[in-house]
Amino acid sequence: MAASHHDHHAHDGQDSTTLVSSAHATLHCLTGCIIGEVAGLAIGTTLGIGVFWTIVLAVVLAYISGFTLAVFPLMKRESLTFRQAMSVIWLGEAISIGAMEIAMNGVDYAVGGMTAGSVLAPMFWAGIAAAAPAGFLAAWPVNYYLLKRQLKCCH
């Protein structure tokens, strides 16, 4: 009975480490997504290209900036080529960014940030302010799962 009690605590410690690591990975991912998301929303809103194309642009730029923040530090830290680094991070980043982007764009749209007439409109920034925590909350359990299953590496 003492052995199973000990094993339970060891498992709890591993879970809390994975929980903290997944929060760190999610914040890292959020940084990249926010950069691309805000750039895409600002361009789309400024050019008046419509909600659909604004979302497409924001998602594409979020993936580009998210992957960039993951791949280049890994290349430098591990002395990997671009292709090698991409092979390490692509699946985990693609899934994490996807979950984050679905939540962020859904919340931003619901709040009305995407339909603001200008980047100077308070509603534009209210949408981003609401979308960022939604993206974090959507991607955190995804990153926890990916790290637990070793489908994502922590940056």
N, C-alpha and C. Protein backbone atom coordinates (compact mmCIF):
# COMPACT_ATOMS: atom_id res chain seq x y z
N MET A 1 0.82 -1.18 0.00
CA MET A 1 0.00 0.00 0.00
C MET A 1 0.87 1.25 0.00
N ALA A 2 1.98 1.23 0.71
CA ALA A 2 2.88 2.39 0.75
C ALA A 2 3.46 2.65 -0.63
N ALA A 3 3.75 1.59 -1.39
CA ALA A 3 4.31 1.77 -2.73
C ALA A 3 3.32 2.47 -3.65
N SER A 4 2.04 2.09 -3.59
CA SER A 4 1.07 2.74 -4.46
C SER A 4 0.86 4.20 -4.03
N HIS A 5 0.95 4.46 -2.72
CA HIS A 5 0.84 5.83 -2.23
C HIS A 5 2.01 6.66 -2.76
N HIS A 6 3.22 6.09 -2.72
CA HIS A 6 4.39 6.78 -3.23
C HIS A 6 4.28 7.02 -4.73
N ASP A 7 3.83 6.01 -5.46
CA ASP A 7 3.67 6.15 -6.91
C ASP A 7 2.68 7.25 -7.25
N HIS A 8 1.61 7.36 -6.45
CA HIS A 8 0.61 8.38 -6.69
C HIS A 8 1.22 9.78 -6.58
N HIS A 9 2.06 9.99 -5.56
CA HIS A 9 2.70 11.30 -5.39
C HIS A 9 3.70 11.59 -6.51
N ALA A 10 4.42 10.58 -6.94
CA ALA A 10 5.36 10.78 -8.04
C ALA A 10 4.59 11.18 -9.30
N HIS A 11 3.45 10.56 -9.52
CA HIS A 11 2.62 10.89 -10.67
C HIS A 11 2.08 12.32 -10.56
N ASP A 12 1.66 12.73 -9.34
CA ASP A 12 1.18 14.10 -9.13
C ASP A 12 2.28 15.11 -9.45
N GLY A 13 3.51 14.82 -9.04
CA GLY A 13 4.62 15.73 -9.31
C GLY A 13 4.86 15.87 -10.80
N GLN A 14 4.77 14.77 -11.52
CA GLN A 14 4.94 14.79 -12.96
C GLN A 14 3.81 15.59 -13.60
N ASP A 15 2.59 15.41 -13.12
CA ASP A 15 1.45 16.15 -13.66
C ASP A 15 1.60 17.64 -13.42
N SER A 16 2.06 18.04 -12.24
CA SER A 16 2.21 19.47 -11.97
C SER A 16 3.34 20.06 -12.82
N THR A 17 4.39 19.29 -13.06
CA THR A 17 5.47 19.76 -13.93
C THR A 17 4.93 19.93 -15.35
N THR A 18 4.15 18.96 -15.82
CA THR A 18 3.57 19.06 -17.16
C THR A 18 2.58 20.22 -17.23
N LEU A 19 1.84 20.46 -16.17
CA LEU A 19 0.89 21.57 -16.12
C LEU A 19 1.62 22.90 -16.24
N VAL A 20 2.72 23.06 -15.52
CA VAL A 20 3.51 24.28 -15.59
C VAL A 20 4.18 24.41 -16.96
N SER A 21 4.73 23.32 -17.46
CA SER A 21 5.36 23.33 -18.78
C SER A 21 4.35 23.67 -19.87
N SER A 22 3.15 23.14 -19.75
CA SER A 22 2.13 23.42 -20.76
C SER A 22 1.67 24.87 -20.69
N ALA A 23 1.63 25.45 -19.49
CA ALA A 23 1.30 26.88 -19.36
C ALA A 23 2.39 27.72 -20.02
N HIS A 24 3.64 27.36 -19.80
CA HIS A 24 4.76 28.07 -20.42
C HIS A 24 4.69 27.95 -21.94
N ALA A 25 4.46 26.75 -22.44
CA ALA A 25 4.36 26.54 -23.89
C ALA A 25 3.19 27.32 -24.47
N THR A 26 2.09 27.40 -23.73
CA THR A 26 0.92 28.13 -24.19
C THR A 26 1.18 29.63 -24.24
N LEU A 27 1.88 30.16 -23.24
CA LEU A 27 2.24 31.58 -23.27
C LEU A 27 3.17 31.89 -24.44
N HIS A 28 4.10 30.99 -24.69
CA HIS A 28 5.02 31.15 -25.81
C HIS A 28 4.23 31.15 -27.13
N CYS A 29 3.33 30.22 -27.25
CA CYS A 29 2.49 30.12 -28.44
C CYS A 29 1.61 31.36 -28.58
N LEU A 30 1.06 31.82 -27.47
CA LEU A 30 0.20 33.01 -27.49
C LEU A 30 0.96 34.23 -27.98
N THR A 31 2.22 34.34 -27.61
CA THR A 31 3.04 35.46 -28.07
C THR A 31 3.11 35.49 -29.59
N GLY A 32 3.43 34.35 -30.18
CA GLY A 32 3.50 34.28 -31.63
C GLY A 32 2.15 34.51 -32.28
N CYS A 33 1.11 33.93 -31.71
CA CYS A 33 -0.22 34.10 -32.29
C CYS A 33 -0.68 35.55 -32.22
N ILE A 34 -0.44 36.19 -31.10
CA ILE A 34 -0.86 37.59 -30.94
C ILE A 34 -0.18 38.48 -31.98
N ILE A 35 1.11 38.25 -32.21
CA ILE A 35 1.84 39.07 -33.19
C ILE A 35 1.16 38.95 -34.57
N GLY A 36 0.96 37.74 -35.03
CA GLY A 36 0.33 37.53 -36.33
C GLY A 36 -1.13 37.93 -36.36
N GLU A 37 -1.83 37.61 -35.29
CA GLU A 37 -3.26 37.91 -35.20
C GLU A 37 -3.51 39.42 -35.27
N VAL A 38 -2.79 40.18 -34.46
CA VAL A 38 -2.98 41.63 -34.44
C VAL A 38 -2.58 42.23 -35.79
N ALA A 39 -1.48 41.76 -36.35
CA ALA A 39 -1.07 42.27 -37.67
C ALA A 39 -2.14 41.98 -38.72
N GLY A 40 -2.64 40.75 -38.74
CA GLY A 40 -3.68 40.39 -39.71
C GLY A 40 -4.97 41.16 -39.52
N LEU A 41 -5.39 41.30 -38.26
CA LEU A 41 -6.62 42.05 -37.99
C LEU A 41 -6.45 43.52 -38.34
N ALA A 42 -5.29 44.07 -38.03
CA ALA A 42 -5.04 45.49 -38.34
C ALA A 42 -5.03 45.71 -39.85
N ILE A 43 -4.37 44.83 -40.59
CA ILE A 43 -4.33 44.96 -42.05
C ILE A 43 -5.73 44.79 -42.64
N GLY A 44 -6.43 43.74 -42.21
CA GLY A 44 -7.77 43.49 -42.72
C GLY A 44 -8.76 44.59 -42.41
N THR A 45 -8.71 45.09 -41.19
CA THR A 45 -9.60 46.18 -40.79
C THR A 45 -9.27 47.46 -41.55
N THR A 46 -8.00 47.76 -41.65
CA THR A 46 -7.57 48.98 -42.34
C THR A 46 -7.93 48.94 -43.82
N LEU A 47 -7.74 47.80 -44.46
CA LEU A 47 -8.04 47.67 -45.89
C LEU A 47 -9.52 47.41 -46.16
N GLY A 48 -10.27 47.07 -45.11
CA GLY A 48 -11.69 46.79 -45.28
C GLY A 48 -11.96 45.59 -46.17
N ILE A 49 -11.19 44.50 -45.99
CA ILE A 49 -11.30 43.34 -46.87
C ILE A 49 -12.40 42.36 -46.46
N GLY A 50 -13.12 42.68 -45.39
CA GLY A 50 -14.20 41.81 -44.93
C GLY A 50 -13.73 40.83 -43.88
N VAL A 51 -14.69 40.35 -43.12
CA VAL A 51 -14.39 39.48 -41.98
C VAL A 51 -13.72 38.18 -42.40
N PHE A 52 -14.24 37.50 -43.42
CA PHE A 52 -13.67 36.22 -43.82
C PHE A 52 -12.19 36.36 -44.18
N TRP A 53 -11.86 37.31 -45.05
CA TRP A 53 -10.47 37.46 -45.49
C TRP A 53 -9.59 38.02 -44.38
N THR A 54 -10.17 38.79 -43.48
CA THR A 54 -9.42 39.27 -42.32
C THR A 54 -9.04 38.09 -41.43
N ILE A 55 -9.96 37.17 -41.22
CA ILE A 55 -9.67 35.98 -40.43
C ILE A 55 -8.60 35.13 -41.12
N VAL A 56 -8.75 34.93 -42.41
CA VAL A 56 -7.75 34.14 -43.16
C VAL A 56 -6.37 34.77 -43.01
N LEU A 57 -6.28 36.08 -43.21
CA LEU A 57 -5.00 36.78 -43.09
C LEU A 57 -4.45 36.67 -41.67
N ALA A 58 -5.30 36.87 -40.67
CA ALA A 58 -4.85 36.80 -39.27
C ALA A 58 -4.34 35.40 -38.93
N VAL A 59 -5.03 34.37 -39.39
CA VAL A 59 -4.62 32.99 -39.10
C VAL A 59 -3.30 32.66 -39.80
N VAL A 60 -3.17 33.04 -41.06
CA VAL A 60 -1.92 32.78 -41.79
C VAL A 60 -0.75 33.47 -41.09
N LEU A 61 -0.94 34.73 -40.75
CA LEU A 61 0.15 35.47 -40.08
C LEU A 61 0.42 34.93 -38.67
N ALA A 62 -0.61 34.45 -37.99
CA ALA A 62 -0.40 33.84 -36.67
C ALA A 62 0.42 32.56 -36.79
N TYR A 63 0.14 31.75 -37.81
CA TYR A 63 0.93 30.54 -38.02
C TYR A 63 2.38 30.90 -38.37
N ILE A 64 2.56 31.88 -39.22
CA ILE A 64 3.92 32.27 -39.60
C ILE A 64 4.69 32.78 -38.39
N SER A 65 4.10 33.67 -37.62
CA SER A 65 4.82 34.21 -36.47
C SER A 65 4.98 33.16 -35.37
N GLY A 66 3.97 32.32 -35.17
CA GLY A 66 4.07 31.27 -34.16
C GLY A 66 5.15 30.27 -34.48
N PHE A 67 5.20 29.81 -35.73
CA PHE A 67 6.25 28.88 -36.14
C PHE A 67 7.62 29.54 -36.07
N THR A 68 7.70 30.81 -36.45
CA THR A 68 8.98 31.52 -36.42
C THR A 68 9.53 31.58 -35.00
N LEU A 69 8.66 31.89 -34.03
CA LEU A 69 9.12 31.98 -32.64
C LEU A 69 9.50 30.61 -32.07
N ALA A 70 9.05 29.56 -32.69
CA ALA A 70 9.41 28.22 -32.23
C ALA A 70 10.65 27.67 -32.95
N VAL A 71 10.70 27.85 -34.25
CA VAL A 71 11.72 27.17 -35.04
C VAL A 71 13.10 27.83 -34.95
N PHE A 72 13.18 29.14 -35.02
CA PHE A 72 14.49 29.79 -35.04
C PHE A 72 15.26 29.66 -33.72
N PRO A 73 14.62 29.82 -32.57
CA PRO A 73 15.36 29.56 -31.33
C PRO A 73 15.82 28.11 -31.20
N LEU A 74 15.00 27.17 -31.68
CA LEU A 74 15.37 25.75 -31.65
C LEU A 74 16.56 25.49 -32.56
N MET A 75 16.56 26.12 -33.73
CA MET A 75 17.69 25.98 -34.64
C MET A 75 18.97 26.46 -33.97
N LYS A 76 18.91 27.58 -33.33
CA LYS A 76 20.09 28.15 -32.69
C LYS A 76 20.54 27.32 -31.49
N ARG A 77 19.58 26.98 -30.62
CA ARG A 77 19.89 26.26 -29.39
C ARG A 77 20.42 24.85 -29.64
N GLU A 78 19.84 24.16 -30.64
CA GLU A 78 20.19 22.76 -30.90
C GLU A 78 21.06 22.57 -32.13
N SER A 79 21.47 23.67 -32.76
CA SER A 79 22.27 23.62 -34.00
C SER A 79 21.61 22.75 -35.07
N LEU A 80 20.33 23.02 -35.31
CA LEU A 80 19.57 22.27 -36.30
C LEU A 80 19.37 23.11 -37.56
N THR A 81 19.15 22.44 -38.66
CA THR A 81 18.77 23.14 -39.88
C THR A 81 17.29 23.53 -39.74
N PHE A 82 16.84 24.40 -40.63
CA PHE A 82 15.44 24.80 -40.63
C PHE A 82 14.53 23.57 -40.76
N ARG A 83 14.87 22.71 -41.68
CA ARG A 83 14.06 21.50 -41.92
C ARG A 83 14.03 20.60 -40.68
N GLN A 84 15.18 20.41 -40.05
CA GLN A 84 15.23 19.57 -38.84
C GLN A 84 14.38 20.18 -37.72
N ALA A 85 14.51 21.48 -37.52
CA ALA A 85 13.74 22.14 -36.47
C ALA A 85 12.25 22.07 -36.76
N MET A 86 11.87 22.27 -38.01
CA MET A 86 10.45 22.17 -38.37
C MET A 86 9.91 20.77 -38.12
N SER A 87 10.73 19.75 -38.38
CA SER A 87 10.27 18.38 -38.16
C SER A 87 10.04 18.11 -36.68
N VAL A 88 10.75 18.83 -35.81
CA VAL A 88 10.58 18.67 -34.37
C VAL A 88 9.30 19.36 -33.89
N ILE A 89 9.02 20.55 -34.40
CA ILE A 89 7.96 21.37 -33.81
C ILE A 89 6.65 21.42 -34.59
N TRP A 90 6.61 21.00 -35.84
CA TRP A 90 5.47 21.31 -36.69
C TRP A 90 4.14 20.79 -36.15
N LEU A 91 4.07 19.54 -35.72
CA LEU A 91 2.79 18.96 -35.31
C LEU A 91 2.24 19.65 -34.06
N GLY A 92 3.07 19.74 -33.04
CA GLY A 92 2.62 20.38 -31.79
C GLY A 92 2.22 21.83 -31.99
N GLU A 93 3.02 22.55 -32.77
CA GLU A 93 2.70 23.96 -33.02
C GLU A 93 1.44 24.10 -33.86
N ALA A 94 1.30 23.27 -34.87
CA ALA A 94 0.12 23.36 -35.75
C ALA A 94 -1.17 23.14 -34.96
N ILE A 95 -1.17 22.15 -34.09
CA ILE A 95 -2.36 21.84 -33.31
C ILE A 95 -2.62 22.94 -32.28
N SER A 96 -1.58 23.35 -31.57
CA SER A 96 -1.72 24.38 -30.55
C SER A 96 -2.20 25.71 -31.15
N ILE A 97 -1.57 26.13 -32.23
CA ILE A 97 -1.95 27.38 -32.88
C ILE A 97 -3.38 27.27 -33.42
N GLY A 98 -3.73 26.12 -33.96
CA GLY A 98 -5.09 25.92 -34.47
C GLY A 98 -6.14 26.11 -33.38
N ALA A 99 -5.93 25.48 -32.23
CA ALA A 99 -6.88 25.64 -31.11
C ALA A 99 -6.95 27.10 -30.67
N MET A 100 -5.80 27.71 -30.59
CA MET A 100 -5.74 29.11 -30.15
C MET A 100 -6.45 30.02 -31.14
N GLU A 101 -6.21 29.81 -32.42
CA GLU A 101 -6.80 30.69 -33.44
C GLU A 101 -8.32 30.53 -33.53
N ILE A 102 -8.81 29.33 -33.38
CA ILE A 102 -10.27 29.13 -33.40
C ILE A 102 -10.90 29.93 -32.27
N ALA A 103 -10.34 29.81 -31.08
CA ALA A 103 -10.90 30.53 -29.93
C ALA A 103 -10.74 32.04 -30.09
N MET A 104 -9.56 32.48 -30.47
CA MET A 104 -9.30 33.91 -30.55
C MET A 104 -10.19 34.58 -31.60
N ASN A 105 -10.27 33.98 -32.79
CA ASN A 105 -11.09 34.58 -33.83
C ASN A 105 -12.57 34.53 -33.51
N GLY A 106 -13.01 33.44 -32.89
CA GLY A 106 -14.41 33.35 -32.48
C GLY A 106 -14.78 34.42 -31.47
N VAL A 107 -13.94 34.60 -30.47
CA VAL A 107 -14.22 35.62 -29.44
C VAL A 107 -14.10 37.02 -30.03
N ASP A 108 -13.07 37.26 -30.81
CA ASP A 108 -12.90 38.59 -31.41
C ASP A 108 -14.11 38.94 -32.28
N TYR A 109 -14.57 37.98 -33.05
CA TYR A 109 -15.75 38.21 -33.88
C TYR A 109 -16.99 38.48 -33.02
N ALA A 110 -17.17 37.68 -31.98
CA ALA A 110 -18.34 37.84 -31.10
C ALA A 110 -18.34 39.20 -30.40
N VAL A 111 -17.17 39.66 -30.02
CA VAL A 111 -17.06 40.95 -29.33
C VAL A 111 -17.27 42.10 -30.31
N GLY A 112 -16.93 41.89 -31.56
CA GLY A 112 -17.10 42.93 -32.57
C GLY A 112 -15.82 43.61 -32.99
N GLY A 113 -14.69 43.10 -32.52
CA GLY A 113 -13.41 43.71 -32.85
C GLY A 113 -13.08 43.67 -34.33
N MET A 114 -13.46 42.58 -35.00
CA MET A 114 -13.16 42.44 -36.43
C MET A 114 -13.98 43.38 -37.29
N THR A 115 -15.10 43.81 -36.77
CA THR A 115 -15.97 44.68 -37.56
C THR A 115 -15.81 46.15 -37.17
N ALA A 116 -14.84 46.42 -36.32
CA ALA A 116 -14.56 47.82 -35.96
C ALA A 116 -14.11 48.55 -37.23
N GLY A 117 -14.47 49.78 -37.34
CA GLY A 117 -14.16 50.54 -38.54
C GLY A 117 -12.69 50.88 -38.70
N SER A 118 -11.94 50.81 -37.61
CA SER A 118 -10.55 51.24 -37.64
C SER A 118 -9.78 50.61 -36.49
N VAL A 119 -8.46 50.54 -36.64
CA VAL A 119 -7.62 50.07 -35.53
C VAL A 119 -7.61 51.08 -34.39
N LEU A 120 -8.09 52.28 -34.65
CA LEU A 120 -8.18 53.31 -33.60
C LEU A 120 -9.45 53.19 -32.77
N ALA A 121 -10.40 52.38 -33.25
CA ALA A 121 -11.66 52.20 -32.53
C ALA A 121 -11.43 51.36 -31.27
N PRO A 122 -11.99 51.76 -30.15
CA PRO A 122 -11.85 50.96 -28.92
C PRO A 122 -12.33 49.52 -29.08
N MET A 123 -13.35 49.31 -29.92
CA MET A 123 -13.88 47.96 -30.11
C MET A 123 -12.84 47.03 -30.74
N PHE A 124 -11.98 47.57 -31.60
CA PHE A 124 -10.92 46.77 -32.20
C PHE A 124 -10.04 46.18 -31.09
N TRP A 125 -9.63 47.01 -30.15
CA TRP A 125 -8.75 46.59 -29.07
C TRP A 125 -9.49 45.78 -28.01
N ALA A 126 -10.78 46.05 -27.84
CA ALA A 126 -11.58 45.24 -26.92
C ALA A 126 -11.67 43.80 -27.42
N GLY A 127 -11.80 43.64 -28.73
CA GLY A 127 -11.83 42.30 -29.31
C GLY A 127 -10.55 41.54 -29.06
N ILE A 128 -9.42 42.22 -29.24
CA ILE A 128 -8.12 41.58 -29.00
C ILE A 128 -7.94 41.28 -27.51
N ALA A 129 -8.35 42.21 -26.67
CA ALA A 129 -8.23 42.01 -25.21
C ALA A 129 -9.06 40.82 -24.74
N ALA A 130 -10.20 40.58 -25.35
CA ALA A 130 -11.03 39.43 -24.99
C ALA A 130 -10.51 38.15 -25.64
N ALA A 131 -9.96 38.27 -26.84
CA ALA A 131 -9.51 37.10 -27.59
C ALA A 131 -8.25 36.46 -26.99
N ALA A 132 -7.35 37.26 -26.48
CA ALA A 132 -6.08 36.72 -25.97
C ALA A 132 -6.27 35.72 -24.84
N PRO A 133 -7.02 36.06 -23.78
CA PRO A 133 -7.20 35.03 -22.73
C PRO A 133 -8.01 33.83 -23.22
N ALA A 134 -8.94 34.06 -24.15
CA ALA A 134 -9.70 32.93 -24.70
C ALA A 134 -8.77 31.98 -25.45
N GLY A 135 -7.84 32.53 -26.20
CA GLY A 135 -6.87 31.70 -26.90
C GLY A 135 -6.01 30.90 -25.95
N PHE A 136 -5.55 31.55 -24.87
CA PHE A 136 -4.75 30.86 -23.87
C PHE A 136 -5.54 29.71 -23.26
N LEU A 137 -6.77 30.00 -22.83
CA LEU A 137 -7.58 28.98 -22.16
C LEU A 137 -7.94 27.82 -23.09
N ALA A 138 -8.07 28.09 -24.38
CA ALA A 138 -8.37 27.02 -25.32
C ALA A 138 -7.14 26.14 -25.59
N ALA A 139 -5.98 26.77 -25.68
CA ALA A 139 -4.76 26.03 -26.05
C ALA A 139 -4.06 25.36 -24.88
N TRP A 140 -4.27 25.84 -23.66
CA TRP A 140 -3.56 25.27 -22.51
C TRP A 140 -3.84 23.78 -22.35
N PRO A 141 -5.10 23.34 -22.31
CA PRO A 141 -5.31 21.88 -22.18
C PRO A 141 -4.80 21.11 -23.39
N VAL A 142 -4.83 21.72 -24.56
CA VAL A 142 -4.30 21.08 -25.76
C VAL A 142 -2.79 20.87 -25.59
N ASN A 143 -2.09 21.91 -25.14
CA ASN A 143 -0.65 21.79 -24.93
C ASN A 143 -0.32 20.81 -23.81
N TYR A 144 -1.13 20.79 -22.78
CA TYR A 144 -0.94 19.81 -21.70
C TYR A 144 -1.00 18.39 -22.28
N TYR A 145 -2.03 18.13 -23.07
CA TYR A 145 -2.19 16.81 -23.69
C TYR A 145 -1.01 16.49 -24.61
N LEU A 146 -0.62 17.46 -25.45
CA LEU A 146 0.47 17.24 -26.40
C LEU A 146 1.80 16.97 -25.67
N LEU A 147 2.07 17.70 -24.61
CA LEU A 147 3.29 17.47 -23.84
C LEU A 147 3.24 16.13 -23.12
N LYS A 148 2.10 15.81 -22.56
CA LYS A 148 1.93 14.54 -21.84
C LYS A 148 2.16 13.35 -22.78
N ARG A 149 1.73 13.48 -24.02
CA ARG A 149 1.87 12.41 -25.01
C ARG A 149 3.16 12.55 -25.81
N GLN A 150 3.99 13.51 -25.44
CA GLN A 150 5.27 13.79 -26.11
C GLN A 150 5.09 14.08 -27.61
N LEU A 151 4.02 14.81 -27.92
CA LEU A 151 3.76 15.23 -29.29
C LEU A 151 4.17 16.68 -29.51
N LYS A 152 4.65 17.31 -28.46
CA LYS A 152 5.11 18.70 -28.51
C LYS A 152 6.31 18.81 -27.60
N CYS A 153 7.27 19.64 -28.02
CA CYS A 153 8.40 19.92 -27.16
C CYS A 153 8.20 21.28 -26.52
N CYS A 154 8.70 21.44 -25.33
CA CYS A 154 8.58 22.72 -24.64
C CYS A 154 9.77 23.58 -25.06
N HIS A 155 9.48 24.82 -25.36
CA HIS A 155 10.51 25.73 -25.86
C HIS A 155 11.34 26.17 -24.72
